[in-house]
C-alpha atoms as a PDB file:
ATOM      1  CA  MET A   1     -11.397 -19.655  67.430  1.00  0.00           C
ATOM      2  CA  LYS A   2     -14.240 -18.923  65.092  1.00  0.00           C
ATOM      3  CA  SER A   3     -13.278 -15.254  64.886  1.00  0.00           C
ATOM      4  CA  LYS A   4      -9.643 -16.164  64.024  1.00  0.00           C
ATOM      5  CA  ILE A   5     -10.813 -18.433  61.207  1.00  0.00           C
ATOM      6  CA  PHE A   6     -12.987 -15.635  59.874  1.00  0.00           C
ATOM      7  CA  LEU A   7     -10.071 -13.193  60.219  1.00  0.00           C
ATOM      8  CA  TYR A   8      -7.694 -15.544  58.313  1.00  0.00           C
ATOM      9  CA  LEU A   9     -10.387 -16.167  55.728  1.00  0.00           C
ATOM     10  CA  PHE A  10     -10.947 -12.419  55.344  1.00  0.00           C
ATOM     11  CA  VAL A  11      -7.200 -11.727  54.979  1.00  0.00           C
ATOM     12  CA  PHE A  12      -6.840 -14.594  52.491  1.00  0.00           C
ATOM     13  CA  MET A  13      -9.789 -13.287  50.445  1.00  0.00           C
ATOM     14  CA  ALA A  14      -8.345  -9.758  50.558  1.00  0.00           C
ATOM     15  CA  LEU A  15      -5.011 -11.067  49.209  1.00  0.00           C
ATOM     16  CA  ILE A  16      -6.809 -12.954  46.421  1.00  0.00           C
ATOM     17  CA  CYS A  17      -8.791  -9.808  45.530  1.00  0.00           C
ATOM     18  CA  LEU A  18      -5.608  -7.721  45.536  1.00  0.00           C
ATOM     19  CA  TYR A  19      -3.854 -10.275  43.309  1.00  0.00           C
ATOM     20  CA  LEU A  20      -6.794 -10.346  40.894  1.00  0.00           C
ATOM     21  CA  PHE A  21      -6.963  -6.543  40.827  1.00  0.00           C
ATOM     22  CA  VAL A  22      -3.247  -6.158  40.046  1.00  0.00           C
ATOM     23  CA  SER A  23      -3.137  -8.970  37.466  1.00  0.00           C
ATOM     24  CA  ASN A  24      -6.305  -7.653  35.809  1.00  0.00           C
ATOM     25  CA  GLY A  25      -4.688  -4.213  35.465  1.00  0.00           C
ATOM     26  CA  LYS A  26      -1.596  -5.740  33.873  1.00  0.00           C
ATOM     27  CA  MET A  27      -3.770  -7.871  31.610  1.00  0.00           C
ATOM     28  CA  GLN A  28      -5.689  -4.791  30.497  1.00  0.00           C
ATOM     29  CA  GLU A  29      -2.419  -2.988  29.733  1.00  0.00           C
ATOM     30  CA  SER A  30      -1.203  -5.994  27.751  1.00  0.00           C
ATOM     31  CA  LYS A  31      -4.470  -6.198  25.800  1.00  0.00           C
ATOM     32  CA  ALA A  32      -4.417  -2.434  25.161  1.00  0.00           C
ATOM     33  CA  ASN A  33      -0.833  -2.708  23.815  1.00  0.00           C
ATOM     34  CA  LYS A  34      -1.835  -5.603  21.555  1.00  0.00           C
ATOM     35  CA  ILE A  35      -4.862  -3.660  20.296  1.00  0.00           C
ATOM     36  CA  GLU A  36      -2.683  -0.617  19.607  1.00  0.00           C
ATOM     37  CA  LYS A  37      -0.140  -2.746  17.684  1.00  0.00           C
ATOM     38  CA  LEU A  38      -2.937  -4.349  15.645  1.00  0.00           C
ATOM     39  CA  GLU A  39      -4.443  -0.934  14.884  1.00  0.00           C
ATOM     40  CA  ASN A  40      -1.028   0.257  13.682  1.00  0.00           C
ATOM     41  CA  GLN A  41      -0.720  -2.851  11.497  1.00  0.00           C
ATOM     42  CA  VAL A  42      -4.186  -2.202  10.040  1.00  0.00           C
ATOM     43  CA  VAL A  43      -3.194   1.387   9.208  1.00  0.00           C
ATOM     44  CA  GLN A  44       0.017   0.151   7.564  1.00  0.00           C
ATOM     45  CA  LEU A  45      -1.918  -2.481   5.591  1.00  0.00           C
ATOM     46  CA  GLU A  46      -4.481   0.104   4.467  1.00  0.00           C
ATOM     47  CA  ASP A  47      -1.632   2.352   3.285  1.00  0.00           C
ATOM     48  CA  SER A  48      -0.013  -0.595   1.521  1.00  0.00           C
ATOM     49  CA  VAL A  49      -3.286  -1.540  -0.192  1.00  0.00           C
ATOM     50  CA  ARG A  50      -3.848   2.080  -1.250  1.00  0.00           C
ATOM     51  CA  ASN A  51      -0.310   2.297  -2.672  1.00  0.00           C
ATOM     52  CA  THR A  52      -0.756  -1.005  -4.491  1.00  0.00           C
ATOM     53  CA  GLN A  53      -4.055   0.150  -5.964  1.00  0.00           C
ATOM     54  CA  LEU A  54      -2.395   3.356  -7.198  1.00  0.00           C
ATOM     55  CA  ARG A  55       0.433   1.356  -8.783  1.00  0.00           C
ATOM     56  CA  VAL A  56      -2.046  -0.957 -10.491  1.00  0.00           C
ATOM     57  CA  LEU A  57      -4.008   2.017 -11.808  1.00  0.00           C
ATOM     58  CA  ASN A  58      -0.780   3.563 -13.109  1.00  0.00           C
ATOM     59  CA  MET A  59       0.190   0.294 -14.801  1.00  0.00           C
ATOM     60  CA  GLN A  60      -3.257   0.029 -16.386  1.00  0.00           C
ATOM     61  CA  TYR A  61      -3.185   3.565 -17.724  1.00  0.00           C
ATOM     62  CA  PHE A  62      -1.921   2.479 -21.136  1.00  0.00           C
ATOM     63  CA  SER A  63      -4.279  -0.384 -21.833  1.00  0.00           C
ATOM     64  CA  LEU A  64      -7.150  -0.829 -24.219  1.00  0.00           C
ATOM     65  CA  GLU A  65      -9.409  -2.227 -21.484  1.00  0.00           C
ATOM     66  CA  ASN A  66      -9.304   1.052 -19.552  1.00  0.00           C
ATOM     67  CA  ASN A  67      -9.423   3.430 -22.502  1.00  0.00           C
ATOM     68  CA  ASP A  68     -13.041   4.248 -23.295  1.00  0.00           C
ATOM     69  CA  ASP A  69     -12.102   6.470 -26.232  1.00  0.00           C
ATOM     70  CA  ALA A  70     -10.140   3.664 -27.864  1.00  0.00           C
ATOM     71  CA  LEU A  71     -12.856   1.100 -27.106  1.00  0.00           C
ATOM     72  CA  ALA A  72     -15.374   3.360 -28.853  1.00  0.00           C
ATOM     73  CA  TYR A  73     -13.693   2.390 -32.145  1.00  0.00           C
ATOM     74  CA  TYR A  74     -15.003  -1.144 -31.640  1.00  0.00           C
ATOM     75  CA  ASP A  75     -18.571  -0.337 -30.571  1.00  0.00           C
ATOM     76  CA  HIS A  76     -19.965  -1.331 -33.963  1.00  0.00           C
ATOM     77  CA  LEU A  77     -18.342  -4.782 -33.705  1.00  0.00           C
ATOM     78  CA  GLU A  78     -19.958  -7.495 -31.616  1.00  0.00           C
ATOM     79  CA  LEU A  79     -16.845  -8.260 -29.542  1.00  0.00           C
ATOM     80  CA  LYS A  80     -17.114  -8.822 -25.808  1.00  0.00           C
ATOM     81  CA  ASP A  81     -13.374  -8.451 -25.239  1.00  0.00           C
ATOM     82  CA  PRO A  82     -11.530  -6.732 -28.101  1.00  0.00           C
ATOM     83  CA  SER A  83      -8.198  -6.937 -26.277  1.00  0.00           C
ATOM     84  CA  ARG A  84      -8.361 -10.693 -25.939  1.00  0.00           C
ATOM     85  CA  TYR A  85      -9.461 -11.085 -29.566  1.00  0.00           C
ATOM     86  CA  ILE A  86      -6.583  -8.968 -30.870  1.00  0.00           C
ATOM     87  CA  ALA A  87      -4.060 -10.722 -28.603  1.00  0.00           C
ATOM     88  CA  ASP A  88      -5.289 -14.110 -29.839  1.00  0.00           C
ATOM     89  CA  LYS A  89      -4.917 -12.971 -33.454  1.00  0.00           C
ATOM     90  CA  LEU A  90      -1.376 -11.790 -32.730  1.00  0.00           C
ATOM     91  CA  LEU A  91      -0.503 -15.080 -31.032  1.00  0.00           C
ATOM     92  CA  GLU A  92      -1.762 -16.912 -34.119  1.00  0.00           C
ATOM     93  CA  THR A  93       1.236 -15.461 -35.950  1.00  0.00           C
ATOM     94  CA  ASN A  94       3.408 -17.662 -33.689  1.00  0.00           C
ATOM     95  CA  GLU A  95       1.851 -20.785 -35.206  1.00  0.00           C
ATOM     96  CA  GLN A  96       3.744 -20.404 -38.472  1.00  0.00           C
ATOM     97  CA  LYS A  97       6.797 -22.574 -38.874  1.00  0.00           C
ATOM     98  CA  GLY A  98      10.031 -20.728 -38.126  1.00  0.00           C
ATOM     99  CA  ASP A  99      10.395 -17.265 -36.659  1.00  0.00           C
ATOM    100  CA  ASN A 100       7.353 -15.083 -36.147  1.00  0.00           C
ATOM    101  CA  PRO A 101       6.938 -12.961 -39.303  1.00  0.00           C
ATOM    102  CA  LEU A 102       6.572  -9.760 -37.239  1.00  0.00           C
ATOM    103  CA  ILE A 103       9.995 -10.202 -35.652  1.00  0.00           C
ATOM    104  CA  PRO A 104      12.790  -8.921 -37.923  1.00  0.00           C
ATOM    105  CA  TYR A 105      15.484 -11.113 -36.355  1.00  0.00           C
ATOM    106  CA  GLU A 106      16.436 -14.737 -36.878  1.00  0.00           C
ATOM    107  CA  GLY A 107      16.336 -16.842 -33.735  1.00  0.00           C
ATOM    108  CA  MET A 108      19.766 -17.855 -32.498  1.00  0.00           C
ATOM    109  CA  GLU A 109      18.867 -20.660 -30.103  1.00  0.00           C
ATOM    110  CA  SER A 110      15.498 -21.525 -31.675  1.00  0.00           C
ATOM    111  CA  ASP A 111      12.699 -19.582 -33.379  1.00  0.00           C
ATOM    112  CA  PHE A 112      11.702 -16.150 -32.101  1.00  0.00           C
ATOM    113  CA  LYS A 113       8.106 -16.199 -30.857  1.00  0.00           C
ATOM    114  CA  ILE A 114       5.945 -13.550 -29.211  1.00  0.00           C
ATOM    115  CA  ASN A 115       5.454 -14.178 -25.496  1.00  0.00           C
ATOM    116  CA  LYS A 116       3.759 -11.269 -23.779  1.00  0.00           C
ATOM    117  CA  ILE A 117       1.412  -8.742 -25.284  1.00  0.00           C
ATOM    118  CA  LYS A 118       0.286  -5.327 -24.040  1.00  0.00           C
ATOM    119  CA  ILE A 119      -2.426  -3.723 -26.144  1.00  0.00           C
ATOM    120  CA  LEU A 120      -1.908  -0.020 -25.546  1.00  0.00           C
ATOM    121  CA  ASN A 121      -4.899   1.412 -27.432  1.00  0.00           C
ATOM    122  CA  HIS A 122      -6.881   0.977 -30.639  1.00  0.00           C
ATOM    123  CA  LYS A 123      -3.753   1.238 -32.809  1.00  0.00           C
ATOM    124  CA  TRP A 124      -0.629   0.014 -30.981  1.00  0.00           C
ATOM    125  CA  ILE A 125       0.636  -3.149 -29.354  1.00  0.00           C
ATOM    126  CA  LEU A 126       3.819  -3.644 -27.355  1.00  0.00           C
ATOM    127  CA  ALA A 127       5.016  -7.257 -27.416  1.00  0.00           C
ATOM    128  CA  ASP A 128       7.887  -9.213 -25.932  1.00  0.00           C
ATOM    129  CA  PHE A 129       9.568 -11.973 -27.940  1.00  0.00           C
ATOM    130  CA  SER A 130      12.183 -14.590 -27.174  1.00  0.00           C
ATOM    131  CA  ASP A 131      13.928 -17.672 -28.527  1.00  0.00           C
ATOM    132  CA  GLY A 132      14.511 -19.082 -25.058  1.00  0.00           C
ATOM    133  CA  LYS A 133      17.844 -17.329 -24.511  1.00  0.00           C
ATOM    134  CA  TYR A 134      17.659 -14.010 -26.351  1.00  0.00           C
ATOM    135  CA  TRP A 135      14.767 -11.605 -26.117  1.00  0.00           C
ATOM    136  CA  GLY A 136      13.520  -8.283 -27.343  1.00  0.00           C
ATOM    137  CA  GLU A 137      10.449  -6.143 -27.865  1.00  0.00           C
ATOM    138  CA  VAL A 138       8.430  -4.958 -30.836  1.00  0.00           C
ATOM    139  CA  LEU A 139       6.018  -2.080 -31.303  1.00  0.00           C
ATOM    140  CA  ILE A 140       3.242  -3.111 -33.656  1.00  0.00           C
ATOM    141  CA  ASN A 141       0.594  -1.038 -35.383  1.00  0.00           C
ATOM    142  CA  TYR A 142      -2.642  -2.952 -35.924  1.00  0.00           C
ATOM    143  CA  GLU A 143      -5.984  -2.420 -37.576  1.00  0.00           C
ATOM    144  CA  LEU A 144      -9.094  -4.382 -36.633  1.00  0.00           C
ATOM    145  CA  LYS A 145     -11.354  -4.443 -39.672  1.00  0.00           C
ATOM    146  CA  ASP A 146     -15.129  -4.716 -39.840  1.00  0.00           C
ATOM    147  CA  ASP A 147     -14.855  -8.341 -41.008  1.00  0.00           C
ATOM    148  CA  LEU A 148     -12.853  -9.015 -37.759  1.00  0.00           C
ATOM    149  CA  GLY A 149      -9.626  -9.470 -39.660  1.00  0.00           C
ATOM    150  CA  VAL A 150      -6.559  -7.891 -38.116  1.00  0.00           C
ATOM    151  CA  ASP A 151      -3.624  -6.376 -40.018  1.00  0.00           C
ATOM    152  CA  PHE A 152      -0.346  -6.085 -38.118  1.00  0.00           C
ATOM    153  CA  THR A 153       2.489  -3.754 -39.155  1.00  0.00           C
ATOM    154  CA  LEU A 154       5.841  -3.637 -37.407  1.00  0.00           C
ATOM    155  CA  MET A 155       6.659  -0.074 -36.305  1.00  0.00           C
ATOM    156  CA  ASP A 156       9.844  -0.537 -34.292  1.00  0.00           C
ATOM    157  CA  HIS A 157      11.883  -3.269 -32.635  1.00  0.00           C
ATOM    158  CA  LEU A 158      14.840  -3.940 -30.389  1.00  0.00           C
ATOM    159  CA  LEU A 159      16.877  -6.955 -29.397  1.00  0.00           C
ATOM    160  CA  TYR A 160      18.559  -6.987 -26.008  1.00  0.00           C
ATOM    161  CA  THR A 161      22.202  -7.947 -25.991  1.00  0.00           C
ATOM    162  CA  ARG A 162      23.474 -10.315 -23.373  1.00  0.00           C
ATOM    163  CA  SER A 163      26.336  -9.043 -21.288  1.00  0.00           C
ATOM    164  CA  ASN A 164      28.089 -11.968 -19.599  1.00  0.00           C
END
């Protein structure tokens, strides 16, 4: 009787070990597949980050902040951020009553005001303007003087037409 109990116990333990061995193998395969999928996702994310960084660098190519030669023009001035200073001075032109004086159009819905500014280098600014419904862009020549005054001169402009 004792030997039969030990035999049944041995068979039962062997079945449990076999079950654990098989399920462990399947679990390892499952984990390996998950790891492989995650590694592929990491590679895709690294590629995506690299592509995004390249696009950002391309977009920043024409900007005063990344142009050391253009920034050298302002070394003698005590400005921490020349781009911000110039943009603020340009936005001050919006404070006048009526249309912005640098925009050669009359606002149709309200007054034309400058919205977005891209300082390209030490001489040129590209700006977007709008009256809330109509919009356009201006190319502005500027000069930052030693007394920190800024002169703006309109070089070119365009007004987008609505096609409805």
